[in-house]
Amino acid sequence: MMQPSELDEWAARLQQELRLDETTIDVGTVLDLARDAAHSVARPAAPLTTFIVGVAVGRGMPIREALDAVARCLPAAETGTDPDTPAGAGAGAGAGA
C-alpha cells in the first residue's frame, strides 16, 4: 500500500507527464471522492466517479460544484441517511475540500 508521500510523488509525476504542472491537485479530496463512491455505490464506482468529475472540472465546472453534485447522487443523500453514521460513512464526496 502506498504511503501518503508516495501518492503525492505519484500525482506530481503523473501531472508532469500529462503537462498539468501548473494544476494543483488535492490528493486528499480525490481520495475522499473515490472512497465515498466506493462505499456508497459500489467499489467500481470509485474510478468511474473520479474520472467523470475530472471531465466536468476539465470542462470548467468548479470543483466544489462537481463534488456537491456527486454528494447529491450518492445513495445516502437520496435516502436521507446521516453521513456521520457508519452506514453512510463518508457520504459527502470530499466535504472537507
PDB file of N, CA and C in Angstrom:
ATOM      1  N   MET A   1       0.842  -1.185   0.000  1.00  0.00           N
ATOM      2  CA  MET A   1       0.000   0.000   0.000  1.00  0.00           C
ATOM      3  C   MET A   1       0.884   1.245   0.000  1.00  0.00           C
ATOM      4  N   MET A   2       0.496   2.210  -0.793  1.00  0.00           N
ATOM      5  CA  MET A   2       1.280   3.434  -0.895  1.00  0.00           C
ATOM      6  C   MET A   2       1.088   4.306   0.338  1.00  0.00           C
ATOM      7  N   GLN A   3       2.152   4.963   0.720  1.00  0.00           N
ATOM      8  CA  GLN A   3       2.109   5.939   1.797  1.00  0.00           C
ATOM      9  C   GLN A   3       1.668   7.285   1.208  1.00  0.00           C
ATOM     10  N   PRO A   4       1.141   8.199   2.055  1.00  0.00           N
ATOM     11  CA  PRO A   4       0.701   9.499   1.529  1.00  0.00           C
ATOM     12  C   PRO A   4       1.784  10.231   0.731  1.00  0.00           C
ATOM     13  N   SER A   5       3.013  10.192   1.182  1.00  0.00           N
ATOM     14  CA  SER A   5       4.069  10.889   0.448  1.00  0.00           C
ATOM     15  C   SER A   5       4.288  10.255  -0.928  1.00  0.00           C
ATOM     16  N   GLU A   6       4.120   8.928  -1.003  1.00  0.00           N
ATOM     17  CA  GLU A   6       4.255   8.251  -2.287  1.00  0.00           C
ATOM     18  C   GLU A   6       3.124   8.633  -3.237  1.00  0.00           C
ATOM     19  N   LEU A   7       1.926   8.822  -2.690  1.00  0.00           N
ATOM     20  CA  LEU A   7       0.804   9.259  -3.519  1.00  0.00           C
ATOM     21  C   LEU A   7       1.045  10.660  -4.051  1.00  0.00           C
ATOM     22  N   ASP A   8       1.561  11.532  -3.203  1.00  0.00           N
ATOM     23  CA  ASP A   8       1.881  12.891  -3.645  1.00  0.00           C
ATOM     24  C   ASP A   8       2.933  12.857  -4.746  1.00  0.00           C
ATOM     25  N   GLU A   9       3.953  12.019  -4.579  1.00  0.00           N
ATOM     26  CA  GLU A   9       5.000  11.884  -5.595  1.00  0.00           C
ATOM     27  C   GLU A   9       4.418  11.343  -6.894  1.00  0.00           C
ATOM     28  N   TRP A  10       3.561  10.328  -6.790  1.00  0.00           N
ATOM     29  CA  TRP A  10       2.926   9.761  -7.965  1.00  0.00           C
ATOM     30  C   TRP A  10       2.087  10.819  -8.679  1.00  0.00           C
ATOM     31  N   ALA A  11       1.296  11.571  -7.912  1.00  0.00           N
ATOM     32  CA  ALA A  11       0.456  12.610  -8.507  1.00  0.00           C
ATOM     33  C   ALA A  11       1.318  13.651  -9.215  1.00  0.00           C
ATOM     34  N   ALA A  12       2.400  14.064  -8.595  1.00  0.00           N
ATOM     35  CA  ALA A  12       3.288  15.058  -9.197  1.00  0.00           C
ATOM     36  C   ALA A  12       3.908  14.524 -10.487  1.00  0.00           C
ATOM     37  N   ARG A  13       4.349  13.272 -10.464  1.00  0.00           N
ATOM     38  CA  ARG A  13       4.948  12.654 -11.649  1.00  0.00           C
ATOM     39  C   ARG A  13       3.931  12.544 -12.787  1.00  0.00           C
ATOM     40  N   LEU A  14       2.724  12.108 -12.450  1.00  0.00           N
ATOM     41  CA  LEU A  14       1.676  11.968 -13.456  1.00  0.00           C
ATOM     42  C   LEU A  14       1.274  13.330 -14.022  1.00  0.00           C
ATOM     43  N   GLN A  15       1.149  14.321 -13.159  1.00  0.00           N
ATOM     44  CA  GLN A  15       0.817  15.667 -13.613  1.00  0.00           C
ATOM     45  C   GLN A  15       1.871  16.183 -14.583  1.00  0.00           C
ATOM     46  N   GLN A  16       3.124  15.945 -14.268  1.00  0.00           N
ATOM     47  CA  GLN A  16       4.209  16.388 -15.144  1.00  0.00           C
ATOM     48  C   GLN A  16       4.100  15.687 -16.500  1.00  0.00           C
ATOM     49  N   GLU A  17       3.878  14.390 -16.473  1.00  0.00           N
ATOM     50  CA  GLU A  17       3.785  13.617 -17.710  1.00  0.00           C
ATOM     51  C   GLU A  17       2.595  14.071 -18.563  1.00  0.00           C
ATOM     52  N   LEU A  18       1.511  14.476 -17.902  1.00  0.00           N
ATOM     53  CA  LEU A  18       0.308  14.926 -18.607  1.00  0.00           C
ATOM     54  C   LEU A  18       0.317  16.434 -18.876  1.00  0.00           C
ATOM     55  N   ARG A  19       1.436  17.054 -18.585  1.00  0.00           N
ATOM     56  CA  ARG A  19       1.623  18.503 -18.782  1.00  0.00           C
ATOM     57  C   ARG A  19       0.598  19.330 -18.004  1.00  0.00           C
ATOM     58  N   LEU A  20       0.360  18.927 -16.765  1.00  0.00           N
ATOM     59  CA  LEU A  20      -0.546  19.648 -15.861  1.00  0.00           C
ATOM     60  C   LEU A  20       0.247  20.271 -14.720  1.00  0.00           C
ATOM     61  N   ASP A  21       1.481  20.664 -14.992  1.00  0.00           N
ATOM     62  CA  ASP A  21       2.393  21.146 -13.961  1.00  0.00           C
ATOM     63  C   ASP A  21       1.846  22.300 -13.130  1.00  0.00           C
ATOM     64  N   GLU A  22       1.044  23.143 -13.728  1.00  0.00           N
ATOM     65  CA  GLU A  22       0.549  24.323 -13.012  1.00  0.00           C
ATOM     66  C   GLU A  22      -0.773  24.068 -12.301  1.00  0.00           C
ATOM     67  N   THR A  23      -1.251  22.847 -12.358  1.00  0.00           N
ATOM     68  CA  THR A  23      -2.522  22.492 -11.732  1.00  0.00           C
ATOM     69  C   THR A  23      -2.273  21.966 -10.329  1.00  0.00           C
ATOM     70  N   THR A  24      -3.054  22.445  -9.376  1.00  0.00           N
ATOM     71  CA  THR A  24      -2.955  21.940  -8.016  1.00  0.00           C
ATOM     72  C   THR A  24      -3.968  20.824  -7.843  1.00  0.00           C
ATOM     73  N   ILE A  25      -3.472  19.649  -7.479  1.00  0.00           N
ATOM     74  CA  ILE A  25      -4.339  18.505  -7.239  1.00  0.00           C
ATOM     75  C   ILE A  25      -4.387  18.250  -5.743  1.00  0.00           C
ATOM     76  N   ASP A  26      -5.575  18.281  -5.177  1.00  0.00           N
ATOM     77  CA  ASP A  26      -5.750  17.979  -3.763  1.00  0.00           C
ATOM     78  C   ASP A  26      -5.969  16.467  -3.657  1.00  0.00           C
ATOM     79  N   VAL A  27      -4.885  15.750  -3.400  1.00  0.00           N
ATOM     80  CA  VAL A  27      -4.928  14.285  -3.366  1.00  0.00           C
ATOM     81  C   VAL A  27      -5.959  13.802  -2.352  1.00  0.00           C
ATOM     82  N   GLY A  28      -6.031  14.423  -1.199  1.00  0.00           N
ATOM     83  CA  GLY A  28      -6.984  14.022  -0.167  1.00  0.00           C
ATOM     84  C   GLY A  28      -8.427  14.113  -0.640  1.00  0.00           C
ATOM     85  N   THR A  29      -8.753  15.171  -1.364  1.00  0.00           N
ATOM     86  CA  THR A  29     -10.112  15.341  -1.867  1.00  0.00           C
ATOM     87  C   THR A  29     -10.449  14.273  -2.892  1.00  0.00           C
ATOM     88  N   VAL A  30      -9.502  13.973  -3.770  1.00  0.00           N
ATOM     89  CA  VAL A  30      -9.731  12.935  -4.777  1.00  0.00           C
ATOM     90  C   VAL A  30      -9.934  11.586  -4.097  1.00  0.00           C
ATOM     91  N   LEU A  31      -9.123  11.294  -3.082  1.00  0.00           N
ATOM     92  CA  LEU A  31      -9.256  10.019  -2.369  1.00  0.00           C
ATOM     93  C   LEU A  31     -10.582   9.955  -1.607  1.00  0.00           C
ATOM     94  N   ASP A  32     -10.994  11.075  -1.024  1.00  0.00           N
ATOM     95  CA  ASP A  32     -12.292  11.117  -0.340  1.00  0.00           C
ATOM     96  C   ASP A  32     -13.429  10.841  -1.326  1.00  0.00           C
ATOM     97  N   LEU A  33     -13.341  11.460  -2.495  1.00  0.00           N
ATOM     98  CA  LEU A  33     -14.350  11.267  -3.521  1.00  0.00           C
ATOM     99  C   LEU A  33     -14.432   9.799  -3.928  1.00  0.00           C
ATOM    100  N   ALA A  34     -13.279   9.196  -4.170  1.00  0.00           N
ATOM    101  CA  ALA A  34     -13.244   7.782  -4.556  1.00  0.00           C
ATOM    102  C   ALA A  34     -13.780   6.892  -3.439  1.00  0.00           C
ATOM    103  N   ARG A  35     -13.405   7.180  -2.210  1.00  0.00           N
ATOM    104  CA  ARG A  35     -13.888   6.392  -1.064  1.00  0.00           C
ATOM    105  C   ARG A  35     -15.403   6.477  -0.947  1.00  0.00           C
ATOM    106  N   ASP A  36     -15.930   7.690  -1.070  1.00  0.00           N
ATOM    107  CA  ASP A  36     -17.370   7.874  -0.932  1.00  0.00           C
ATOM    108  C   ASP A  36     -18.130   7.100  -2.014  1.00  0.00           C
ATOM    109  N   ALA A  37     -17.632   7.154  -3.233  1.00  0.00           N
ATOM    110  CA  ALA A  37     -18.292   6.422  -4.323  1.00  0.00           C
ATOM    111  C   ALA A  37     -18.183   4.921  -4.102  1.00  0.00           C
ATOM    112  N   ALA A  38     -17.005   4.462  -3.701  1.00  0.00           N
ATOM    113  CA  ALA A  38     -16.796   3.028  -3.492  1.00  0.00           C
ATOM    114  C   ALA A  38     -17.672   2.488  -2.370  1.00  0.00           C
ATOM    115  N   HIS A  39     -17.815   3.246  -1.308  1.00  0.00           N
ATOM    116  CA  HIS A  39     -18.572   2.770  -0.143  1.00  0.00           C
ATOM    117  C   HIS A  39     -20.071   2.993  -0.282  1.00  0.00           C
ATOM    118  N   SER A  40     -20.469   4.030  -1.015  1.00  0.00           N
ATOM    119  CA  SER A  40     -21.887   4.351  -1.104  1.00  0.00           C
ATOM    120  C   SER A  40     -22.571   3.759  -2.332  1.00  0.00           C
ATOM    121  N   VAL A  41     -21.800   3.478  -3.366  1.00  0.00           N
ATOM    122  CA  VAL A  41     -22.376   2.945  -4.595  1.00  0.00           C
ATOM    123  C   VAL A  41     -21.880   1.512  -4.770  1.00  0.00           C
ATOM    124  N   ALA A  42     -20.656   1.381  -5.204  1.00  0.00           N
ATOM    125  CA  ALA A  42     -20.001   0.085  -5.390  1.00  0.00           C
ATOM    126  C   ALA A  42     -18.531   0.379  -5.646  1.00  0.00           C
ATOM    127  N   ARG A  43     -17.695  -0.555  -5.298  1.00  0.00           N
ATOM    128  CA  ARG A  43     -16.255  -0.337  -5.442  1.00  0.00           C
ATOM    129  C   ARG A  43     -15.851   0.151  -6.837  1.00  0.00           C
ATOM    130  N   PRO A  44     -16.388  -0.434  -7.909  1.00  0.00           N
ATOM    131  CA  PRO A  44     -16.005   0.044  -9.246  1.00  0.00           C
ATOM    132  C   PRO A  44     -16.452   1.481  -9.537  1.00  0.00           C
ATOM    133  N   ALA A  45     -17.333   2.027  -8.715  1.00  0.00           N
ATOM    134  CA  ALA A  45     -17.772   3.404  -8.928  1.00  0.00           C
ATOM    135  C   ALA A  45     -16.674   4.414  -8.597  1.00  0.00           C
ATOM    136  N   ALA A  46     -15.667   4.009  -7.835  1.00  0.00           N
ATOM    137  CA  ALA A  46     -14.614   4.945  -7.430  1.00  0.00           C
ATOM    138  C   ALA A  46     -13.854   5.524  -8.623  1.00  0.00           C
ATOM    139  N   PRO A  47     -13.243   4.693  -9.474  1.00  0.00           N
ATOM    140  CA  PRO A  47     -12.516   5.288 -10.600  1.00  0.00           C
ATOM    141  C   PRO A  47     -13.452   5.961 -11.607  1.00  0.00           C
ATOM    142  N   LEU A  48     -14.627   5.401 -11.795  1.00  0.00           N
ATOM    143  CA  LEU A  48     -15.578   5.994 -12.728  1.00  0.00           C
ATOM    144  C   LEU A  48     -15.996   7.389 -12.259  1.00  0.00           C
ATOM    145  N   THR A  49     -16.306   7.513 -10.986  1.00  0.00           N
ATOM    146  CA  THR A  49     -16.733   8.792 -10.422  1.00  0.00           C
ATOM    147  C   THR A  49     -15.622   9.828 -10.518  1.00  0.00           C
ATOM    148  N   THR A  50     -14.406   9.444 -10.134  1.00  0.00           N
ATOM    149  CA  THR A  50     -13.312  10.415 -10.176  1.00  0.00           C
ATOM    150  C   THR A  50     -13.034  10.841 -11.620  1.00  0.00           C
ATOM    151  N   PHE A  51     -13.159   9.919 -12.573  1.00  0.00           N
ATOM    152  CA  PHE A  51     -12.955  10.282 -13.974  1.00  0.00           C
ATOM    153  C   PHE A  51     -14.023  11.270 -14.439  1.00  0.00           C
ATOM    154  N   ILE A  52     -15.280  10.975 -14.143  1.00  0.00           N
ATOM    155  CA  ILE A  52     -16.373  11.849 -14.577  1.00  0.00           C
ATOM    156  C   ILE A  52     -16.240  13.230 -13.956  1.00  0.00           C
ATOM    157  N   VAL A  53     -15.900  13.294 -12.682  1.00  0.00           N
ATOM    158  CA  VAL A  53     -15.693  14.589 -12.038  1.00  0.00           C
ATOM    159  C   VAL A  53     -14.530  15.319 -12.701  1.00  0.00           C
ATOM    160  N   GLY A  54     -13.468  14.589 -13.030  1.00  0.00           N
ATOM    161  CA  GLY A  54     -12.336  15.201 -13.717  1.00  0.00           C
ATOM    162  C   GLY A  54     -12.722  15.798 -15.058  1.00  0.00           C
ATOM    163  N   VAL A  55     -13.565  15.090 -15.794  1.00  0.00           N
ATOM    164  CA  VAL A  55     -14.043  15.618 -17.074  1.00  0.00           C
ATOM    165  C   VAL A  55     -14.843  16.899 -16.841  1.00  0.00           C
ATOM    166  N   ALA A  56     -15.736  16.880 -15.870  1.00  0.00           N
ATOM    167  CA  ALA A  56     -16.559  18.059 -15.578  1.00  0.00           C
ATOM    168  C   ALA A  56     -15.691  19.249 -15.186  1.00  0.00           C
ATOM    169  N   VAL A  57     -14.716  19.015 -14.326  1.00  0.00           N
ATOM    170  CA  VAL A  57     -13.826  20.096 -13.891  1.00  0.00           C
ATOM    171  C   VAL A  57     -12.972  20.572 -15.067  1.00  0.00           C
ATOM    172  N   GLY A  58     -12.514  19.625 -15.884  1.00  0.00           N
ATOM    173  CA  GLY A  58     -11.738  19.991 -17.065  1.00  0.00           C
ATOM    174  C   GLY A  58     -12.517  20.838 -18.052  1.00  0.00           C
ATOM    175  N   ARG A  59     -13.823  20.696 -18.033  1.00  0.00           N
ATOM    176  CA  ARG A  59     -14.684  21.495 -18.918  1.00  0.00           C
ATOM    177  C   ARG A  59     -15.125  22.794 -18.264  1.00  0.00           C
ATOM    178  N   GLY A  60     -14.595  23.069 -17.077  1.00  0.00           N
ATOM    179  CA  GLY A  60     -14.839  24.374 -16.466  1.00  0.00           C
ATOM    180  C   GLY A  60     -15.733  24.397 -15.245  1.00  0.00           C
ATOM    181  N   MET A  61     -16.306  23.258 -14.846  1.00  0.00           N
ATOM    182  CA  MET A  61     -17.154  23.258 -13.652  1.00  0.00           C
ATOM    183  C   MET A  61     -16.274  23.426 -12.424  1.00  0.00           C
ATOM    184  N   PRO A  62     -16.638  24.326 -11.510  1.00  0.00           N
ATOM    185  CA  PRO A  62     -15.861  24.460 -10.277  1.00  0.00           C
ATOM    186  C   PRO A  62     -15.874  23.146  -9.486  1.00  0.00           C
ATOM    187  N   ILE A  63     -14.742  22.797  -8.903  1.00  0.00           N
ATOM    188  CA  ILE A  63     -14.618  21.528  -8.182  1.00  0.00           C
ATOM    189  C   ILE A  63     -15.671  21.404  -7.093  1.00  0.00           C
ATOM    190  N   ARG A  64     -15.924  22.469  -6.361  1.00  0.00           N
ATOM    191  CA  ARG A  64     -16.916  22.406  -5.271  1.00  0.00           C
ATOM    192  C   ARG A  64     -18.286  22.038  -5.826  1.00  0.00           C
ATOM    193  N   GLU A  65     -18.642  22.604  -6.963  1.00  0.00           N
ATOM    194  CA  GLU A  65     -19.930  22.301  -7.595  1.00  0.00           C
ATOM    195  C   GLU A  65     -19.987  20.839  -8.039  1.00  0.00           C
ATOM    196  N   ALA A  66     -18.893  20.339  -8.588  1.00  0.00           N
ATOM    197  CA  ALA A  66     -18.832  18.938  -9.011  1.00  0.00           C
ATOM    198  C   ALA A  66     -18.950  18.003  -7.813  1.00  0.00           C
ATOM    199  N   LEU A  67     -18.248  18.316  -6.730  1.00  0.00           N
ATOM    200  CA  LEU A  67     -18.314  17.477  -5.526  1.00  0.00           C
ATOM    201  C   LEU A  67     -19.712  17.496  -4.918  1.00  0.00           C
ATOM    202  N   ASP A  68     -20.339  18.659  -4.926  1.00  0.00           N
ATOM    203  CA  ASP A  68     -21.703  18.752  -4.412  1.00  0.00           C
ATOM    204  C   ASP A  68     -22.668  17.914  -5.260  1.00  0.00           C
ATOM    205  N   ALA A  69     -22.453  17.902  -6.576  1.00  0.00           N
ATOM    206  CA  ALA A  69     -23.300  17.098  -7.460  1.00  0.00           C
ATOM    207  C   ALA A  69     -23.141  15.618  -7.143  1.00  0.00           C
ATOM    208  N   VAL A  70     -21.906  15.184  -6.907  1.00  0.00           N
ATOM    209  CA  VAL A  70     -21.672  13.784  -6.542  1.00  0.00           C
ATOM    210  C   VAL A  70     -22.384  13.464  -5.231  1.00  0.00           C
ATOM    211  N   ALA A  71     -22.243  14.350  -4.262  1.00  0.00           N
ATOM    212  CA  ALA A  71     -22.870  14.122  -2.963  1.00  0.00           C
ATOM    213  C   ALA A  71     -24.386  13.952  -3.098  1.00  0.00           C
ATOM    214  N   ARG A  72     -24.988  14.743  -3.986  1.00  0.00           N
ATOM    215  CA  ARG A  72     -26.443  14.622  -4.206  1.00  0.00           C
ATOM    216  C   ARG A  72     -26.814  13.295  -4.845  1.00  0.00           C
ATOM    217  N   CYS A  73     -25.906  12.713  -5.596  1.00  0.00           N
ATOM    218  CA  CYS A  73     -26.186  11.459  -6.304  1.00  0.00           C
ATOM    219  C   CYS A  73     -25.938  10.213  -5.462  1.00  0.00           C
ATOM    220  N   LEU A  74     -25.180  10.340  -4.399  1.00  0.00           N
ATOM    221  CA  LEU A  74     -24.864   9.175  -3.572  1.00  0.00           C
ATOM    222  C   LEU A  74     -26.123   8.629  -2.921  1.00  0.00           C
ATOM    223  N   PRO A  75     -26.227   7.315  -2.795  1.00  0.00           N
ATOM    224  CA  PRO A  75     -27.412   6.715  -2.179  1.00  0.00           C
ATOM    225  C   PRO A  75     -27.737   7.292  -0.801  1.00  0.00           C
ATOM    226  N   ALA A  76     -26.738   7.600   0.007  1.00  0.00           N
ATOM    227  CA  ALA A  76     -27.002   8.152   1.343  1.00  0.00           C
ATOM    228  C   ALA A  76     -27.719   9.486   1.236  1.00  0.00           C
ATOM    229  N   ALA A  77     -27.371  10.286   0.226  1.00  0.00           N
ATOM    230  CA  ALA A  77     -28.035  11.574   0.033  1.00  0.00           C
ATOM    231  C   ALA A  77     -29.485  11.369  -0.385  1.00  0.00           C
ATOM    232  N   GLU A  78     -29.727  10.356  -1.219  1.00  0.00           N
ATOM    233  CA  GLU A  78     -31.080  10.090  -1.705  1.00  0.00           C
ATOM    234  C   GLU A  78     -31.993   9.555  -0.611  1.00  0.00           C
ATOM    235  N   THR A  79     -31.437   8.796   0.322  1.00  0.00           N
ATOM    236  CA  THR A  79     -32.257   8.195   1.368  1.00  0.00           C
ATOM    237  C   THR A  79     -32.323   9.056   2.623  1.00  0.00           C
ATOM    238  N   GLY A  80     -31.531  10.126   2.641  1.00  0.00           N
ATOM    239  CA  GLY A  80     -31.520  10.992   3.804  1.00  0.00           C
ATOM    240  C   GLY A  80     -30.712  10.431   4.953  1.00  0.00           C
ATOM    241  N   THR A  81     -29.884   9.422   4.704  1.00  0.00           N
ATOM    242  CA  THR A  81     -29.056   8.826   5.741  1.00  0.00           C
ATOM    243  C   THR A  81     -28.065   9.843   6.258  1.00  0.00           C
ATOM    244  N   ASP A  82     -27.886   9.874   7.546  1.00  0.00           N
ATOM    245  CA  ASP A  82     -26.919  10.773   8.165  1.00  0.00           C
ATOM    246  C   ASP A  82     -25.516  10.324   7.775  1.00  0.00           C
ATOM    247  N   PRO A  83     -24.720  11.195   7.115  1.00  0.00           N
ATOM    248  CA  PRO A  83     -23.394  10.783   6.674  1.00  0.00           C
ATOM    249  C   PRO A  83     -22.420  10.520   7.815  1.00  0.00           C
ATOM    250  N   ASP A  84     -22.776  10.891   9.037  1.00  0.00           N
ATOM    251  CA  ASP A  84     -21.892  10.654  10.170  1.00  0.00           C
ATOM    252  C   ASP A  84     -22.112   9.298  10.817  1.00  0.00           C
ATOM    253  N   THR A  85     -23.112   8.566  10.352  1.00  0.00           N
ATOM    254  CA  THR A  85     -23.349   7.241  10.898  1.00  0.00           C
ATOM    255  C   THR A  85     -22.571   6.220  10.079  1.00  0.00           C
ATOM    256  N   PRO A  86     -22.225   5.073  10.662  1.00  0.00           N
ATOM    257  CA  PRO A  86     -21.439   4.086   9.929  1.00  0.00           C
ATOM    258  C   PRO A  86     -22.057   3.667   8.600  1.00  0.00           C
ATOM    259  N   ALA A  87     -23.366   3.535   8.510  1.00  0.00           N
ATOM    260  CA  ALA A  87     -23.993   3.096   7.264  1.00  0.00           C
ATOM    261  C   ALA A  87     -23.798   4.100   6.149  1.00  0.00           C
ATOM    262  N   GLY A  88     -23.665   5.385   6.479  1.00  0.00           N
ATOM    263  CA  GLY A  88     -23.477   6.414   5.466  1.00  0.00           C
ATOM    264  C   GLY A  88     -22.113   7.039   5.551  1.00  0.00           C
ATOM    265  N   ALA A  89     -21.185   6.361   6.192  1.00  0.00           N
ATOM    266  CA  ALA A  89     -19.855   6.933   6.412  1.00  0.00           C
ATOM    267  C   ALA A  89     -19.243   7.410   5.126  1.00  0.00           C
ATOM    268  N   GLY A  90     -18.759   8.639   5.168  1.00  0.00           N
ATOM    269  CA  GLY A  90     -18.068   9.207   4.032  1.00  0.00           C
ATOM    270  C   GLY A  90     -18.952   9.884   3.022  1.00  0.00           C
ATOM    271  N   ALA A  91     -20.253   9.718   3.107  1.00  0.00           N
ATOM    272  CA  ALA A  91     -21.122  10.359   2.130  1.00  0.00           C
ATOM    273  C   ALA A  91     -20.945  11.861   2.227  1.00  0.00           C
ATOM    274  N   GLY A  92     -20.629  12.459   1.160  1.00  0.00           N
ATOM    275  CA  GLY A  92     -20.398  13.892   1.137  1.00  0.00           C
ATOM    276  C   GLY A  92     -19.354  14.244   0.119  1.00  0.00           C
ATOM    277  N   ALA A  93     -18.760  13.243  -0.500  1.00  0.00           N
ATOM    278  CA  ALA A  93     -17.820  13.417  -1.607  1.00  0.00           C
ATOM    279  C   ALA A  93     -16.797  14.490  -1.353  1.00  0.00           C
ATOM    280  N   GLY A  94     -15.960  14.249  -0.395  1.00  0.00           N
ATOM    281  CA  GLY A  94     -14.873  15.173  -0.166  1.00  0.00           C
ATOM    282  C   GLY A  94     -15.322  16.462   0.476  1.00  0.00           C
ATOM    283  N   ALA A  95     -16.232  16.358   1.390  1.00  0.00           N
ATOM    284  CA  ALA A  95     -16.790  17.542   2.017  1.00  0.00           C
ATOM    285  C   ALA A  95     -15.738  18.432   2.651  1.00  0.00           C
ATOM    286  N   GLY A  96     -14.573  17.875   2.941  1.00  0.00           N
ATOM    287  CA  GLY A  96     -13.521  18.669   3.558  1.00  0.00           C
ATOM    288  C   GLY A  96     -12.776  19.533   2.572  1.00  0.00           C
ATOM    289  N   ALA A  97     -13.133  19.504   1.317  1.00  0.00           N
ATOM    290  CA  ALA A  97     -12.424  20.290   0.293  1.00  0.00           C
ATOM    291  C   ALA A  97     -12.863  21.710   0.310  1.00  0.00           C
TER     292      ALA A  97
END
